[in-house]
Amino acid sequence: MLRPLHRWEHQDRPLHRRDLAGDPLEQFLRWYREAEETGLRYPNAMALATATGDGWPSVRMVLLRAVDEHGFVFYTNLESRKGQELAKNPRAALLFYWEPLERQVRIEGHVELVSDVEADEYFATRPYGSQISAWASAQSQPIASREELEQRYHAFAEQFPEGAVPRPPFWGGFRVRPAMYEFWQGRPDRLHDRFRYKRQPDGSWSIERLQP
């Protein structure tokens, strides 16, 4: 049985409708910059939820690597569980949680592959060890031992010298194109502030307050 959790009260940091940007990306970037300023080690950490074609969900933490008016980008092994699920069901949900600010942002949308040019450019910026790991790990697949994984790593390190590691053909990026954002601000007595942006057929965004 779990021990009773320590209870604390949320700060009284209101989120008013009048303070929201009309564009949800602008609002996200405001909050993201404030999260960076708190000194969080990974303000770009986000939970990524995917589902199989018949509806079985899965979730894991990934890192946001780019964001602009086209969407939110992360990179991975395309043959991993999330890669296979997104190939069959190209929809995803993202969740950012910034505890020091008592804020979270939810995003839902359709998913597409980034271009080979984008993937190549990003892969070239990765540390050498991460580049070799991308080749060595058949992500999400069973392996007999840690030793076998390390042997695979060293074999690829011998094959590809530093500065000359090509991007694996099974490694790339996904872009989540948002259809919905939700901004959540913690408030005392669990009367949190929640606002949802929904994309309209004409490309504009509607904004509505949600009950906590």
N, C-alpha and C. Protein backbone atom coordinates (compact mmCIF):
# COMPACT_ATOMS: atom_id res chain seq x y z
N MET A 1 0.84 -1.20 0.00
CA MET A 1 0.00 0.00 0.00
C MET A 1 0.88 1.24 0.00
N LEU A 2 0.50 2.25 -0.76
CA LEU A 2 1.25 3.50 -0.79
C LEU A 2 1.07 4.25 0.51
N ARG A 3 2.13 4.90 0.94
CA ARG A 3 2.01 5.78 2.10
C ARG A 3 1.26 7.03 1.69
N PRO A 4 0.58 7.67 2.63
CA PRO A 4 -0.11 8.93 2.30
C PRO A 4 0.90 9.94 1.75
N LEU A 5 0.54 10.54 0.65
CA LEU A 5 1.44 11.51 0.03
C LEU A 5 1.42 12.83 0.78
N HIS A 6 2.56 13.49 0.78
CA HIS A 6 2.60 14.83 1.35
C HIS A 6 1.72 15.75 0.50
N ARG A 7 0.87 16.49 1.14
CA ARG A 7 -0.04 17.38 0.42
C ARG A 7 0.49 18.80 0.50
N TRP A 8 0.49 19.48 -0.61
CA TRP A 8 0.88 20.87 -0.62
C TRP A 8 -0.14 21.64 -1.45
N GLU A 9 -0.18 22.91 -1.24
CA GLU A 9 -1.13 23.75 -1.94
C GLU A 9 -0.45 24.40 -3.13
N HIS A 10 -1.16 24.47 -4.24
CA HIS A 10 -0.62 25.16 -5.40
C HIS A 10 -0.52 26.65 -5.13
N GLN A 11 0.43 27.28 -5.81
CA GLN A 11 0.55 28.73 -5.71
C GLN A 11 -0.64 29.39 -6.41
N ASP A 12 -0.91 30.60 -6.00
CA ASP A 12 -2.02 31.32 -6.63
C ASP A 12 -1.45 32.16 -7.78
N ARG A 13 -1.26 31.46 -8.90
CA ARG A 13 -0.72 32.10 -10.10
C ARG A 13 -1.79 31.99 -11.19
N PRO A 14 -2.69 32.96 -11.27
CA PRO A 14 -3.84 32.82 -12.18
C PRO A 14 -3.45 32.91 -13.65
N LEU A 15 -4.25 32.24 -14.48
CA LEU A 15 -4.15 32.33 -15.93
C LEU A 15 -5.48 32.87 -16.44
N HIS A 16 -5.47 34.08 -16.93
CA HIS A 16 -6.69 34.72 -17.41
C HIS A 16 -6.80 34.60 -18.93
N ARG A 17 -8.02 34.55 -19.39
CA ARG A 17 -8.26 34.51 -20.84
C ARG A 17 -7.63 35.70 -21.54
N ARG A 18 -7.69 36.85 -20.91
CA ARG A 18 -7.15 38.07 -21.55
C ARG A 18 -5.63 38.03 -21.70
N ASP A 19 -4.97 37.15 -20.94
CA ASP A 19 -3.51 37.08 -21.00
C ASP A 19 -3.01 36.09 -22.05
N LEU A 20 -3.91 35.31 -22.64
CA LEU A 20 -3.50 34.30 -23.61
C LEU A 20 -3.22 34.92 -24.98
N ALA A 21 -2.20 34.40 -25.64
CA ALA A 21 -1.94 34.80 -27.02
C ALA A 21 -3.04 34.22 -27.91
N GLY A 22 -3.34 34.89 -28.99
CA GLY A 22 -4.33 34.37 -29.92
C GLY A 22 -3.87 33.12 -30.64
N ASP A 23 -2.55 32.99 -30.79
CA ASP A 23 -1.97 31.83 -31.46
C ASP A 23 -1.38 30.90 -30.40
N PRO A 24 -1.75 29.62 -30.37
CA PRO A 24 -1.26 28.72 -29.32
C PRO A 24 0.25 28.47 -29.37
N LEU A 25 0.85 28.53 -30.55
CA LEU A 25 2.30 28.36 -30.61
C LEU A 25 2.99 29.50 -29.89
N GLU A 26 2.51 30.72 -30.08
CA GLU A 26 3.09 31.86 -29.36
C GLU A 26 2.94 31.66 -27.85
N GLN A 27 1.76 31.19 -27.42
CA GLN A 27 1.56 30.95 -25.99
C GLN A 27 2.50 29.85 -25.49
N PHE A 28 2.67 28.79 -26.26
CA PHE A 28 3.58 27.72 -25.87
C PHE A 28 5.00 28.26 -25.72
N LEU A 29 5.45 29.05 -26.68
CA LEU A 29 6.82 29.56 -26.62
C LEU A 29 7.03 30.49 -25.44
N ARG A 30 6.02 31.25 -25.06
CA ARG A 30 6.11 32.09 -23.85
C ARG A 30 6.37 31.20 -22.64
N TRP A 31 5.55 30.18 -22.49
CA TRP A 31 5.70 29.30 -21.33
C TRP A 31 6.99 28.51 -21.40
N TYR A 32 7.40 28.10 -22.60
CA TYR A 32 8.64 27.34 -22.73
C TYR A 32 9.83 28.18 -22.28
N ARG A 33 9.87 29.44 -22.70
CA ARG A 33 10.98 30.31 -22.29
C ARG A 33 10.99 30.49 -20.78
N GLU A 34 9.82 30.62 -20.17
CA GLU A 34 9.76 30.75 -18.71
C GLU A 34 10.22 29.47 -18.03
N ALA A 35 9.91 28.32 -18.62
CA ALA A 35 10.39 27.05 -18.07
C ALA A 35 11.91 26.97 -18.15
N GLU A 36 12.48 27.40 -19.25
CA GLU A 36 13.94 27.43 -19.38
C GLU A 36 14.58 28.28 -18.30
N GLU A 37 13.94 29.40 -18.00
CA GLU A 37 14.50 30.34 -17.03
C GLU A 37 14.50 29.80 -15.61
N THR A 38 13.71 28.76 -15.33
CA THR A 38 13.71 28.17 -13.99
C THR A 38 14.95 27.33 -13.74
N GLY A 39 15.70 27.01 -14.81
CA GLY A 39 16.87 26.16 -14.66
C GLY A 39 16.59 24.68 -14.78
N LEU A 40 15.39 24.31 -15.22
CA LEU A 40 15.09 22.90 -15.45
C LEU A 40 16.13 22.28 -16.38
N ARG A 41 16.56 21.06 -16.06
CA ARG A 41 17.58 20.41 -16.90
C ARG A 41 17.04 20.09 -18.28
N TYR A 42 15.79 19.63 -18.34
CA TYR A 42 15.20 19.26 -19.63
C TYR A 42 13.83 19.91 -19.79
N PRO A 43 13.77 21.20 -20.03
CA PRO A 43 12.46 21.81 -20.29
C PRO A 43 11.81 21.26 -21.55
N ASN A 44 12.62 20.63 -22.43
CA ASN A 44 12.10 20.07 -23.68
C ASN A 44 11.67 18.62 -23.55
N ALA A 45 11.68 18.07 -22.32
CA ALA A 45 11.20 16.70 -22.12
C ALA A 45 9.69 16.66 -22.26
N MET A 46 9.19 15.69 -23.01
CA MET A 46 7.75 15.59 -23.20
C MET A 46 7.34 14.12 -23.25
N ALA A 47 6.18 13.84 -22.69
CA ALA A 47 5.60 12.51 -22.82
C ALA A 47 4.95 12.41 -24.19
N LEU A 48 5.24 11.33 -24.88
CA LEU A 48 4.68 11.07 -26.20
C LEU A 48 3.78 9.85 -26.12
N ALA A 49 2.50 10.03 -26.42
CA ALA A 49 1.55 8.92 -26.42
C ALA A 49 1.20 8.56 -27.85
N THR A 50 1.26 7.26 -28.14
CA THR A 50 0.88 6.73 -29.44
C THR A 50 -0.08 5.56 -29.19
N ALA A 51 -0.63 5.01 -30.26
CA ALA A 51 -1.52 3.86 -30.12
C ALA A 51 -1.40 2.98 -31.35
N THR A 52 -1.67 1.71 -31.15
CA THR A 52 -1.70 0.77 -32.27
C THR A 52 -2.95 1.04 -33.11
N GLY A 53 -3.00 0.40 -34.26
CA GLY A 53 -4.16 0.58 -35.12
C GLY A 53 -5.46 0.14 -34.48
N ASP A 54 -5.39 -0.82 -33.53
CA ASP A 54 -6.61 -1.27 -32.87
C ASP A 54 -6.79 -0.65 -31.49
N GLY A 55 -6.01 0.41 -31.20
CA GLY A 55 -6.30 1.23 -30.03
C GLY A 55 -5.50 1.01 -28.78
N TRP A 56 -4.51 0.09 -28.76
CA TRP A 56 -3.70 -0.10 -27.56
C TRP A 56 -2.72 1.06 -27.42
N PRO A 57 -2.78 1.81 -26.30
CA PRO A 57 -1.92 2.97 -26.15
C PRO A 57 -0.57 2.62 -25.56
N SER A 58 0.40 3.50 -25.77
CA SER A 58 1.68 3.43 -25.09
C SER A 58 2.22 4.84 -24.94
N VAL A 59 3.07 5.05 -23.95
CA VAL A 59 3.58 6.39 -23.69
C VAL A 59 5.02 6.27 -23.21
N ARG A 60 5.83 7.28 -23.54
CA ARG A 60 7.22 7.32 -23.11
C ARG A 60 7.71 8.76 -23.18
N MET A 61 8.84 9.03 -22.55
CA MET A 61 9.42 10.37 -22.59
C MET A 61 10.37 10.47 -23.77
N VAL A 62 10.28 11.60 -24.49
CA VAL A 62 11.21 11.92 -25.57
C VAL A 62 11.58 13.38 -25.42
N LEU A 63 12.49 13.85 -26.26
CA LEU A 63 12.92 15.25 -26.19
C LEU A 63 12.48 16.00 -27.45
N LEU A 64 11.89 17.15 -27.23
CA LEU A 64 11.54 18.04 -28.34
C LEU A 64 12.83 18.58 -28.94
N ARG A 65 12.97 18.48 -30.26
CA ARG A 65 14.20 18.94 -30.92
C ARG A 65 13.98 20.16 -31.80
N ALA A 66 12.74 20.44 -32.17
CA ALA A 66 12.45 21.63 -32.96
C ALA A 66 10.97 21.91 -32.86
N VAL A 67 10.59 23.17 -32.94
CA VAL A 67 9.18 23.54 -32.97
C VAL A 67 9.05 24.83 -33.76
N ASP A 68 8.05 24.87 -34.63
CA ASP A 68 7.74 26.07 -35.38
C ASP A 68 6.28 25.99 -35.81
N GLU A 69 5.89 26.85 -36.74
CA GLU A 69 4.49 26.88 -37.15
C GLU A 69 4.03 25.58 -37.81
N HIS A 70 5.00 24.72 -38.19
CA HIS A 70 4.64 23.45 -38.83
C HIS A 70 4.44 22.32 -37.83
N GLY A 71 4.94 22.47 -36.60
CA GLY A 71 4.71 21.44 -35.62
C GLY A 71 5.90 21.18 -34.70
N PHE A 72 5.77 20.08 -33.93
CA PHE A 72 6.73 19.70 -32.89
C PHE A 72 7.50 18.47 -33.37
N VAL A 73 8.83 18.54 -33.35
CA VAL A 73 9.67 17.50 -33.96
C VAL A 73 10.47 16.74 -32.90
N PHE A 74 10.48 15.42 -33.03
CA PHE A 74 11.37 14.57 -32.24
C PHE A 74 11.96 13.52 -33.19
N TYR A 75 13.07 12.90 -32.75
CA TYR A 75 13.77 11.92 -33.58
C TYR A 75 13.85 10.58 -32.86
N THR A 76 13.91 9.52 -33.66
CA THR A 76 13.91 8.18 -33.07
C THR A 76 14.27 7.14 -34.12
N ASN A 77 14.42 5.91 -33.66
CA ASN A 77 14.53 4.76 -34.56
C ASN A 77 13.14 4.51 -35.14
N LEU A 78 13.02 4.53 -36.45
CA LEU A 78 11.72 4.40 -37.09
C LEU A 78 11.14 3.00 -36.95
N GLU A 79 11.98 2.02 -36.56
CA GLU A 79 11.52 0.65 -36.37
C GLU A 79 11.21 0.34 -34.91
N SER A 80 11.32 1.35 -34.04
CA SER A 80 10.98 1.17 -32.63
C SER A 80 9.48 1.00 -32.47
N ARG A 81 9.03 0.72 -31.25
CA ARG A 81 7.59 0.54 -31.04
C ARG A 81 6.83 1.81 -31.44
N LYS A 82 7.31 2.97 -31.01
CA LYS A 82 6.59 4.20 -31.37
C LYS A 82 6.63 4.46 -32.86
N GLY A 83 7.77 4.13 -33.49
CA GLY A 83 7.86 4.32 -34.93
C GLY A 83 6.87 3.44 -35.68
N GLN A 84 6.75 2.18 -35.25
CA GLN A 84 5.81 1.27 -35.90
C GLN A 84 4.37 1.68 -35.66
N GLU A 85 4.08 2.13 -34.44
CA GLU A 85 2.72 2.56 -34.14
C GLU A 85 2.34 3.79 -34.94
N LEU A 86 3.26 4.74 -35.06
CA LEU A 86 2.96 5.95 -35.82
C LEU A 86 2.83 5.66 -37.31
N ALA A 87 3.54 4.65 -37.81
CA ALA A 87 3.41 4.29 -39.22
C ALA A 87 2.00 3.77 -39.51
N LYS A 88 1.40 3.08 -38.54
CA LYS A 88 0.07 2.51 -38.73
C LYS A 88 -1.05 3.44 -38.29
N ASN A 89 -0.76 4.28 -37.32
CA ASN A 89 -1.76 5.19 -36.76
C ASN A 89 -1.10 6.54 -36.54
N PRO A 90 -1.02 7.39 -37.56
CA PRO A 90 -0.24 8.63 -37.48
C PRO A 90 -0.93 9.74 -36.71
N ARG A 91 -1.22 9.45 -35.45
CA ARG A 91 -1.77 10.44 -34.53
C ARG A 91 -1.02 10.31 -33.22
N ALA A 92 -0.84 11.42 -32.52
CA ALA A 92 -0.08 11.37 -31.27
C ALA A 92 -0.56 12.46 -30.33
N ALA A 93 -0.22 12.28 -29.06
CA ALA A 93 -0.45 13.30 -28.04
C ALA A 93 0.86 13.56 -27.32
N LEU A 94 1.09 14.82 -26.98
CA LEU A 94 2.29 15.24 -26.26
C LEU A 94 1.88 15.87 -24.94
N LEU A 95 2.75 15.75 -23.94
CA LEU A 95 2.51 16.40 -22.65
C LEU A 95 3.81 16.96 -22.13
N PHE A 96 3.84 18.26 -21.87
CA PHE A 96 4.94 18.93 -21.18
C PHE A 96 4.47 19.22 -19.76
N TYR A 97 5.34 18.96 -18.78
CA TYR A 97 5.01 19.29 -17.40
C TYR A 97 6.20 20.02 -16.79
N TRP A 98 5.96 21.25 -16.37
CA TRP A 98 7.01 22.09 -15.78
C TRP A 98 6.65 22.33 -14.33
N GLU A 99 7.12 21.46 -13.45
CA GLU A 99 6.71 21.48 -12.04
C GLU A 99 7.02 22.79 -11.32
N PRO A 100 8.20 23.42 -11.53
CA PRO A 100 8.45 24.66 -10.79
C PRO A 100 7.41 25.75 -11.06
N LEU A 101 6.81 25.72 -12.24
CA LEU A 101 5.80 26.72 -12.60
C LEU A 101 4.38 26.19 -12.41
N GLU A 102 4.27 24.91 -12.03
CA GLU A 102 2.97 24.26 -11.86
C GLU A 102 2.13 24.42 -13.14
N ARG A 103 2.76 24.04 -14.24
CA ARG A 103 2.12 24.18 -15.55
C ARG A 103 2.28 22.90 -16.35
N GLN A 104 1.29 22.64 -17.17
CA GLN A 104 1.41 21.59 -18.17
C GLN A 104 0.75 22.03 -19.46
N VAL A 105 1.26 21.49 -20.55
CA VAL A 105 0.70 21.75 -21.88
C VAL A 105 0.45 20.42 -22.55
N ARG A 106 -0.77 20.22 -23.02
CA ARG A 106 -1.13 19.03 -23.80
C ARG A 106 -1.31 19.43 -25.25
N ILE A 107 -0.86 18.56 -26.14
CA ILE A 107 -0.96 18.81 -27.58
C ILE A 107 -1.41 17.51 -28.24
N GLU A 108 -2.34 17.59 -29.16
CA GLU A 108 -2.78 16.43 -29.93
C GLU A 108 -2.78 16.79 -31.41
N GLY A 109 -2.40 15.85 -32.24
CA GLY A 109 -2.40 16.14 -33.66
C GLY A 109 -2.00 14.97 -34.52
N HIS A 110 -1.98 15.21 -35.81
CA HIS A 110 -1.53 14.22 -36.78
C HIS A 110 -0.01 14.27 -36.91
N VAL A 111 0.56 13.18 -37.36
CA VAL A 111 2.01 13.02 -37.39
C VAL A 111 2.48 12.70 -38.80
N GLU A 112 3.64 13.27 -39.14
CA GLU A 112 4.26 13.00 -40.43
C GLU A 112 5.75 12.86 -40.24
N LEU A 113 6.42 12.21 -41.18
CA LEU A 113 7.88 12.12 -41.15
C LEU A 113 8.50 13.45 -41.56
N VAL A 114 9.60 13.81 -40.93
CA VAL A 114 10.35 14.97 -41.41
C VAL A 114 11.09 14.57 -42.68
N SER A 115 11.58 15.53 -43.42
CA SER A 115 12.30 15.23 -44.66
C SER A 115 13.66 14.60 -44.35
N ASP A 116 14.22 13.91 -45.35
CA ASP A 116 15.56 13.35 -45.19
C ASP A 116 16.59 14.44 -44.94
N VAL A 117 16.40 15.59 -45.56
CA VAL A 117 17.34 16.70 -45.35
C VAL A 117 17.32 17.14 -43.89
N GLU A 118 16.13 17.31 -43.32
CA GLU A 118 16.04 17.70 -41.92
C GLU A 118 16.67 16.65 -41.02
N ALA A 119 16.38 15.38 -41.28
CA ALA A 119 16.92 14.31 -40.45
C ALA A 119 18.44 14.25 -40.55
N ASP A 120 18.97 14.40 -41.77
CA ASP A 120 20.43 14.39 -41.95
C ASP A 120 21.08 15.54 -41.20
N GLU A 121 20.49 16.72 -41.31
CA GLU A 121 21.06 17.90 -40.64
C GLU A 121 21.06 17.73 -39.13
N TYR A 122 19.97 17.20 -38.59
CA TYR A 122 19.93 17.02 -37.13
C TYR A 122 20.90 15.91 -36.70
N PHE A 123 20.93 14.80 -37.44
CA PHE A 123 21.80 13.69 -37.05
C PHE A 123 23.26 14.14 -36.99
N ALA A 124 23.63 15.03 -37.90
CA ALA A 124 25.02 15.51 -37.93
C ALA A 124 25.38 16.31 -36.69
N THR A 125 24.39 16.83 -35.96
CA THR A 125 24.67 17.62 -34.75
C THR A 125 24.78 16.75 -33.50
N ARG A 126 24.41 15.49 -33.60
CA ARG A 126 24.42 14.62 -32.42
C ARG A 126 25.85 14.27 -32.01
N PRO A 127 26.09 14.07 -30.71
CA PRO A 127 27.41 13.63 -30.27
C PRO A 127 27.77 12.30 -30.94
N TYR A 128 29.05 12.08 -31.10
CA TYR A 128 29.52 10.87 -31.78
C TYR A 128 28.95 9.60 -31.15
N GLY A 129 28.99 9.53 -29.82
CA GLY A 129 28.49 8.34 -29.15
C GLY A 129 27.02 8.09 -29.44
N SER A 130 26.24 9.15 -29.53
CA SER A 130 24.81 8.99 -29.84
C SER A 130 24.61 8.54 -31.28
N GLN A 131 25.46 9.02 -32.17
CA GLN A 131 25.37 8.57 -33.57
C GLN A 131 25.65 7.07 -33.67
N ILE A 132 26.69 6.60 -32.96
CA ILE A 132 27.01 5.18 -33.01
C ILE A 132 25.91 4.35 -32.35
N SER A 133 25.34 4.85 -31.25
CA SER A 133 24.26 4.13 -30.58
C SER A 133 23.05 3.96 -31.49
N ALA A 134 22.80 4.96 -32.35
CA ALA A 134 21.68 4.85 -33.26
C ALA A 134 21.85 3.66 -34.20
N TRP A 135 23.08 3.37 -34.59
CA TRP A 135 23.36 2.20 -35.43
C TRP A 135 23.31 0.90 -34.61
N ALA A 136 23.81 0.95 -33.38
CA ALA A 136 24.00 -0.27 -32.60
C ALA A 136 22.71 -0.82 -32.01
N SER A 137 21.75 0.05 -31.72
CA SER A 137 20.57 -0.39 -31.01
C SER A 137 19.38 -0.61 -31.95
N ALA A 138 18.88 -1.84 -31.98
CA ALA A 138 17.62 -2.13 -32.67
C ALA A 138 16.51 -1.82 -31.66
N GLN A 139 16.22 -0.58 -31.54
CA GLN A 139 15.39 -0.07 -30.44
C GLN A 139 14.08 -0.84 -30.30
N SER A 140 13.75 -1.18 -29.06
CA SER A 140 12.53 -1.88 -28.65
C SER A 140 12.60 -3.38 -28.89
N GLN A 141 13.69 -3.89 -29.50
CA GLN A 141 13.80 -5.32 -29.75
C GLN A 141 14.58 -6.00 -28.61
N PRO A 142 14.24 -7.25 -28.27
CA PRO A 142 14.97 -7.96 -27.21
C PRO A 142 16.43 -8.17 -27.58
N ILE A 143 17.28 -8.28 -26.55
CA ILE A 143 18.68 -8.60 -26.75
C ILE A 143 19.13 -9.46 -25.58
N ALA A 144 20.07 -10.36 -25.82
CA ALA A 144 20.43 -11.36 -24.81
C ALA A 144 21.12 -10.75 -23.60
N SER A 145 21.96 -9.71 -23.83
CA SER A 145 22.74 -9.20 -22.71
C SER A 145 23.23 -7.78 -23.00
N ARG A 146 23.63 -7.11 -21.94
CA ARG A 146 24.26 -5.80 -22.07
C ARG A 146 25.57 -5.94 -22.85
N GLU A 147 26.27 -7.02 -22.63
CA GLU A 147 27.56 -7.23 -23.30
C GLU A 147 27.37 -7.27 -24.82
N GLU A 148 26.32 -7.93 -25.27
CA GLU A 148 26.06 -8.00 -26.71
C GLU A 148 25.80 -6.61 -27.28
N LEU A 149 25.06 -5.79 -26.54
CA LEU A 149 24.78 -4.43 -26.99
C LEU A 149 26.08 -3.63 -27.09
N GLU A 150 26.94 -3.77 -26.09
CA GLU A 150 28.20 -3.03 -26.11
C GLU A 150 29.11 -3.53 -27.23
N GLN A 151 29.08 -4.81 -27.52
CA GLN A 151 29.86 -5.35 -28.63
C GLN A 151 29.39 -4.74 -29.96
N ARG A 152 28.08 -4.64 -30.11
CA ARG A 152 27.54 -4.02 -31.33
C ARG A 152 28.00 -2.56 -31.42
N TYR A 153 27.99 -1.87 -30.29
CA TYR A 153 28.44 -0.47 -30.28
C TYR A 153 29.89 -0.37 -30.75
N HIS A 154 30.75 -1.18 -30.19
CA HIS A 154 32.18 -1.10 -30.54
C HIS A 154 32.41 -1.51 -32.00
N ALA A 155 31.62 -2.44 -32.50
CA ALA A 155 31.78 -2.84 -33.90
C ALA A 155 31.44 -1.69 -34.84
N PHE A 156 30.38 -0.96 -34.53
CA PHE A 156 30.03 0.18 -35.38
C PHE A 156 31.00 1.34 -35.19
N ALA A 157 31.55 1.48 -34.00
CA ALA A 157 32.56 2.53 -33.78
C ALA A 157 33.80 2.26 -34.62
N GLU A 158 34.14 0.99 -34.80
CA GLU A 158 35.27 0.65 -35.67
C GLU A 158 34.93 0.90 -37.13
N GLN A 159 33.68 0.68 -37.48
CA GLN A 159 33.27 0.86 -38.88
C GLN A 159 33.19 2.32 -39.28
N PHE A 160 32.73 3.16 -38.35
CA PHE A 160 32.50 4.58 -38.66
C PHE A 160 33.37 5.46 -37.75
N PRO A 161 34.39 6.10 -38.29
CA PRO A 161 35.21 7.00 -37.48
C PRO A 161 34.44 8.27 -37.15
N GLU A 162 34.87 8.93 -36.10
CA GLU A 162 34.21 10.18 -35.68
C GLU A 162 34.28 11.20 -36.81
N GLY A 163 33.17 11.86 -37.05
CA GLY A 163 33.10 12.84 -38.12
C GLY A 163 32.64 12.28 -39.44
N ALA A 164 32.43 10.97 -39.50
CA ALA A 164 32.02 10.35 -40.77
C ALA A 164 30.96 9.28 -40.53
N VAL A 165 29.99 9.60 -39.67
CA VAL A 165 28.93 8.64 -39.36
C VAL A 165 27.68 9.01 -40.16
N PRO A 166 27.26 8.20 -41.10
CA PRO A 166 26.03 8.51 -41.85
C PRO A 166 24.79 8.24 -41.00
N ARG A 167 23.71 8.87 -41.35
CA ARG A 167 22.45 8.59 -40.65
C ARG A 167 21.94 7.21 -41.05
N PRO A 168 21.59 6.39 -40.08
CA PRO A 168 21.03 5.07 -40.42
C PRO A 168 19.74 5.23 -41.23
N PRO A 169 19.49 4.37 -42.19
CA PRO A 169 18.27 4.49 -42.99
C PRO A 169 17.01 4.24 -42.18
N PHE A 170 17.14 3.62 -41.01
CA PHE A 170 15.99 3.32 -40.17
C PHE A 170 15.82 4.35 -39.04
N TRP A 171 16.50 5.46 -39.14
CA TRP A 171 16.46 6.49 -38.09
C TRP A 171 16.00 7.80 -38.71
N GLY A 172 15.06 8.48 -38.06
CA GLY A 172 14.56 9.73 -38.62
C GLY A 172 13.73 10.49 -37.62
N GLY A 173 12.93 11.42 -38.12
CA GLY A 173 12.16 12.28 -37.23
C GLY A 173 10.69 12.29 -37.58
N PHE A 174 9.90 12.63 -36.58
CA PHE A 174 8.47 12.80 -36.74
C PHE A 174 8.08 14.22 -36.37
N ARG A 175 7.11 14.74 -37.06
CA ARG A 175 6.55 16.07 -36.75
C ARG A 175 5.09 15.91 -36.36
N VAL A 176 4.73 16.39 -35.18
CA VAL A 176 3.34 16.40 -34.74
C VAL A 176 2.75 17.76 -35.12
N ARG A 177 1.73 17.71 -35.96
CA ARG A 177 1.04 18.93 -36.39
C ARG A 177 -0.19 19.13 -35.50
N PRO A 178 -0.17 20.11 -34.62
CA PRO A 178 -1.23 20.22 -33.62
C PRO A 178 -2.60 20.55 -34.20
N ALA A 179 -3.59 19.87 -33.67
CA ALA A 179 -5.00 20.22 -33.91
C ALA A 179 -5.63 20.74 -32.62
N MET A 180 -4.95 20.48 -31.47
CA MET A 180 -5.45 20.92 -30.18
C MET A 180 -4.28 21.19 -29.24
N TYR A 181 -4.39 22.28 -28.50
CA TYR A 181 -3.49 22.58 -27.38
C TYR A 181 -4.35 22.77 -26.14
N GLU A 182 -3.81 22.36 -25.01
CA GLU A 182 -4.44 22.73 -23.73
C GLU A 182 -3.38 23.24 -22.78
N PHE A 183 -3.64 24.41 -22.20
CA PHE A 183 -2.72 25.02 -21.23
C PHE A 183 -3.36 24.92 -19.85
N TRP A 184 -2.60 24.35 -18.91
CA TRP A 184 -3.08 24.08 -17.55
C TRP A 184 -2.18 24.81 -16.57
N GLN A 185 -2.79 25.61 -15.71
CA GLN A 185 -2.06 26.33 -14.67
C GLN A 185 -2.62 25.90 -13.32
N GLY A 186 -1.77 25.35 -12.45
CA GLY A 186 -2.22 24.93 -11.13
C GLY A 186 -2.68 26.12 -10.30
N ARG A 187 -3.76 25.91 -9.53
CA ARG A 187 -4.32 26.95 -8.66
C ARG A 187 -4.71 26.32 -7.33
N PRO A 188 -4.84 27.13 -6.27
CA PRO A 188 -5.23 26.58 -4.96
C PRO A 188 -6.59 25.90 -5.01
N ASP A 189 -6.77 24.95 -4.09
CA ASP A 189 -8.03 24.23 -3.91
C ASP A 189 -8.43 23.41 -5.13
N ARG A 190 -7.47 23.10 -5.97
CA ARG A 190 -7.69 22.31 -7.19
C ARG A 190 -8.61 23.01 -8.19
N LEU A 191 -8.78 24.31 -8.03
CA LEU A 191 -9.57 25.07 -9.01
C LEU A 191 -8.61 25.61 -10.07
N HIS A 192 -8.01 24.69 -10.81
CA HIS A 192 -6.98 25.03 -11.77
C HIS A 192 -7.57 25.79 -12.97
N ASP A 193 -6.71 26.54 -13.64
CA ASP A 193 -7.11 27.22 -14.87
C ASP A 193 -6.72 26.34 -16.06
N ARG A 194 -7.68 26.09 -16.94
CA ARG A 194 -7.45 25.28 -18.14
C ARG A 194 -8.07 25.99 -19.34
N PHE A 195 -7.27 26.11 -20.39
CA PHE A 195 -7.77 26.70 -21.64
C PHE A 195 -7.39 25.79 -22.80
N ARG A 196 -8.35 25.57 -23.67
CA ARG A 196 -8.14 24.71 -24.83
C ARG A 196 -8.25 25.51 -26.12
N TYR A 197 -7.24 25.32 -26.98
CA TYR A 197 -7.26 25.88 -28.34
C TYR A 197 -7.61 24.73 -29.29
N LYS A 198 -8.56 24.95 -30.18
CA LYS A 198 -8.90 23.96 -31.20
C LYS A 198 -8.83 24.61 -32.58
N ARG A 199 -8.16 23.91 -33.49
CA ARG A 199 -8.04 24.44 -34.85
C ARG A 199 -9.37 24.33 -35.58
N GLN A 200 -9.74 25.42 -36.23
CA GLN A 200 -11.00 25.48 -36.96
C GLN A 200 -10.77 25.16 -38.44
N PRO A 201 -11.84 24.85 -39.18
CA PRO A 201 -11.68 24.50 -40.60
C PRO A 201 -10.96 25.56 -41.43
N ASP A 202 -11.08 26.83 -41.04
CA ASP A 202 -10.43 27.88 -41.80
C ASP A 202 -8.99 28.13 -41.36
N GLY A 203 -8.49 27.31 -40.42
CA GLY A 203 -7.12 27.45 -39.94
C GLY A 203 -6.96 28.31 -38.72
N SER A 204 -8.00 29.01 -38.30
CA SER A 204 -7.93 29.82 -37.09
C SER A 204 -8.06 28.93 -35.86
N TRP A 205 -7.94 29.55 -34.67
CA TRP A 205 -8.02 28.81 -33.42
C TRP A 205 -9.14 29.35 -32.55
N SER A 206 -9.96 28.46 -32.03
CA SER A 206 -10.94 28.85 -31.01
C SER A 206 -10.32 28.62 -29.64
N ILE A 207 -10.75 29.38 -28.65
CA ILE A 207 -10.23 29.25 -27.29
C ILE A 207 -11.41 29.12 -26.34
N GLU A 208 -11.36 28.14 -25.45
CA GLU A 208 -12.42 27.99 -24.46
C GLU A 208 -11.83 27.56 -23.14
N ARG A 209 -12.46 28.02 -22.06
CA ARG A 209 -12.04 27.61 -20.72
C ARG A 209 -12.68 26.27 -20.39
N LEU A 210 -11.89 25.39 -19.78
CA LEU A 210 -12.37 24.08 -19.34
C LEU A 210 -12.44 24.04 -17.81
N GLN A 211 -13.40 23.31 -17.30
CA GLN A 211 -13.47 23.12 -15.85
C GLN A 211 -12.32 22.21 -15.41
N PRO A 212 -11.80 22.43 -14.20
CA PRO A 212 -10.68 21.64 -13.75
C PRO A 212 -11.06 20.24 -13.32
